[in-house]
């Protein structure tokens, strides 16, 4: 599936919306674990798998951002990056959860797409 095809994924199932919502909320609190768990377990539903994959990609991107901020803390810049990264993480997880509750496909604009 290409990035142009993500808007064509639709869901009529409330269960798929709930799983996608749990993947995004879990990413906010548990990092990559919830996205990975739902990605591996929900292979039967295309929408839930797509949104769990997106939440997994976003959590991996956040881990890389926090690692870079940790390295840059040596020269004081990283101390200012931690709150910025945290706010971005909070905002995009909330946006993903809201889109998932509506059954819409959501893509984080800054996420590194390692899982395709």
Protein backbone atom coordinates (compact mmCIF):
# COMPACT_ATOMS: atom_id res chain seq x y z
CA UNK A 1 0.00 0.00 0.00
CA UNK A 2 1.38 3.41 -0.91
CA UNK A 3 0.91 6.65 1.00
CA UNK A 4 -1.64 7.77 -1.59
CA UNK A 5 -3.88 4.78 -0.86
CA UNK A 6 -4.33 5.41 2.85
CA UNK A 7 -7.48 7.48 2.43
CA UNK A 8 -9.21 4.62 0.66
CA UNK A 9 -9.14 2.42 3.75
CA UNK A 10 -12.55 2.57 5.36
CA UNK A 11 -14.11 0.68 8.17
CA UNK A 12 -17.66 -0.11 9.12
CA UNK A 13 -16.67 -2.15 12.14
CA UNK A 14 -16.76 -0.53 15.57
CA UNK A 15 -14.28 -3.16 16.76
CA UNK A 16 -11.71 -1.97 14.21
CA UNK A 17 -12.19 1.63 15.35
CA UNK A 18 -11.77 0.58 18.98
CA UNK A 19 -8.58 -1.36 18.26
CA UNK A 20 -7.13 1.59 16.34
CA UNK A 21 -8.10 3.92 19.19
CA UNK A 22 -6.43 1.62 21.72
CA UNK A 23 -3.29 1.50 19.59
CA UNK A 24 -3.00 5.30 19.59
CA UNK A 25 -3.84 5.75 23.28
CA UNK A 26 -1.49 2.91 24.17
CA UNK A 27 1.27 4.58 22.18
CA UNK A 28 0.82 7.67 24.30
CA UNK A 29 1.29 5.73 27.55
CA UNK A 30 3.31 2.61 26.66
CA UNK A 31 5.39 3.66 23.65
CA UNK A 32 5.94 1.14 20.89
CA UNK A 33 4.56 -1.85 22.84
CA UNK A 34 0.88 -1.28 22.11
CA UNK A 35 1.43 -0.50 18.42
CA UNK A 36 3.57 -3.61 18.02
CA UNK A 37 1.09 -5.77 19.93
CA UNK A 38 -1.91 -4.71 17.83
CA UNK A 39 0.12 -4.86 14.61
CA UNK A 40 1.04 -8.49 15.27
CA UNK A 41 -2.34 -9.60 16.61
CA UNK A 42 -4.86 -7.84 14.35
CA UNK A 43 -3.96 -9.20 10.92
CA UNK A 44 -7.57 -9.85 9.96
CA UNK A 45 -8.65 -6.19 9.85
CA UNK A 46 -6.98 -3.85 7.36
CA UNK A 47 -7.94 -0.61 9.12
CA UNK A 48 -6.78 -1.72 12.56
CA UNK A 49 -3.52 -3.06 11.13
CA UNK A 50 -2.91 0.17 9.20
CA UNK A 51 -3.46 2.40 12.21
CA UNK A 52 -1.43 0.20 14.54
CA UNK A 53 1.38 0.27 11.98
CA UNK A 54 1.19 4.07 11.89
CA UNK A 55 1.24 4.31 15.69
CA UNK A 56 4.22 1.94 15.75
CA UNK A 57 6.09 4.06 13.20
CA UNK A 58 5.32 7.18 15.24
CA UNK A 59 6.56 5.63 18.48
CA UNK A 60 9.80 4.54 16.80
CA UNK A 61 10.25 8.08 15.49
CA UNK A 62 9.70 9.44 19.01
CA UNK A 63 12.26 7.03 20.48
CA UNK A 64 14.80 8.26 17.92
CA UNK A 65 13.92 11.86 18.76
CA UNK A 66 14.37 11.27 22.48
CA UNK A 67 17.70 9.53 21.83
CA UNK A 68 18.91 12.48 19.75
CA UNK A 69 17.79 14.90 22.47
CA UNK A 70 19.65 12.80 25.03
CA UNK A 71 22.84 13.02 23.02
CA UNK A 72 22.35 16.75 22.47
CA UNK A 73 21.84 17.28 26.20
CA UNK A 74 25.61 17.26 26.49
CA UNK A 75 25.64 20.65 24.75
CA UNK A 76 22.43 21.87 26.49
CA UNK A 77 20.29 21.95 23.31
CA UNK A 78 18.72 18.59 24.14
CA UNK A 79 17.30 19.90 27.41
CA UNK A 80 15.08 22.22 25.41
CA UNK A 81 14.17 19.50 22.90
CA UNK A 82 12.67 17.09 25.45
CA UNK A 83 9.54 19.19 26.15
CA UNK A 84 9.06 19.96 22.44
CA UNK A 85 9.25 16.28 21.55
CA UNK A 86 6.88 15.41 24.40
CA UNK A 87 4.30 17.97 23.28
CA UNK A 88 4.50 16.73 19.67
CA UNK A 89 4.04 13.17 20.90
CA UNK A 90 0.99 14.14 22.94
CA UNK A 91 -0.61 16.17 20.15
CA UNK A 92 -0.12 13.58 17.40
CA UNK A 93 -1.32 10.70 19.59
CA UNK A 94 -4.48 12.66 20.43
CA UNK A 95 -5.00 13.49 16.75
CA UNK A 96 -4.56 9.82 15.87
CA UNK A 97 -7.00 8.73 18.57
CA UNK A 98 -9.64 11.22 17.42
CA UNK A 99 -9.24 10.14 13.78
CA UNK A 100 -9.41 6.47 14.80
CA UNK A 101 -12.60 7.02 16.78
CA UNK A 102 -14.16 8.49 13.63
CA UNK A 103 -12.84 5.65 11.46
CA UNK A 104 -10.57 7.91 9.41
CA UNK A 105 -7.07 7.02 8.29
CA UNK A 106 -4.45 9.18 9.99
CA UNK A 107 -0.84 9.81 9.02
CA UNK A 108 1.64 11.65 11.20
CA UNK A 109 3.47 14.06 8.92
CA UNK A 110 6.85 13.71 10.66
CA UNK A 111 6.89 9.95 11.21
CA UNK A 112 9.67 7.86 9.72
CA UNK A 113 7.98 4.99 7.90
CA UNK A 114 10.18 2.02 8.84
CA UNK A 115 7.31 -0.50 8.92
CA UNK A 116 5.54 -0.66 5.57
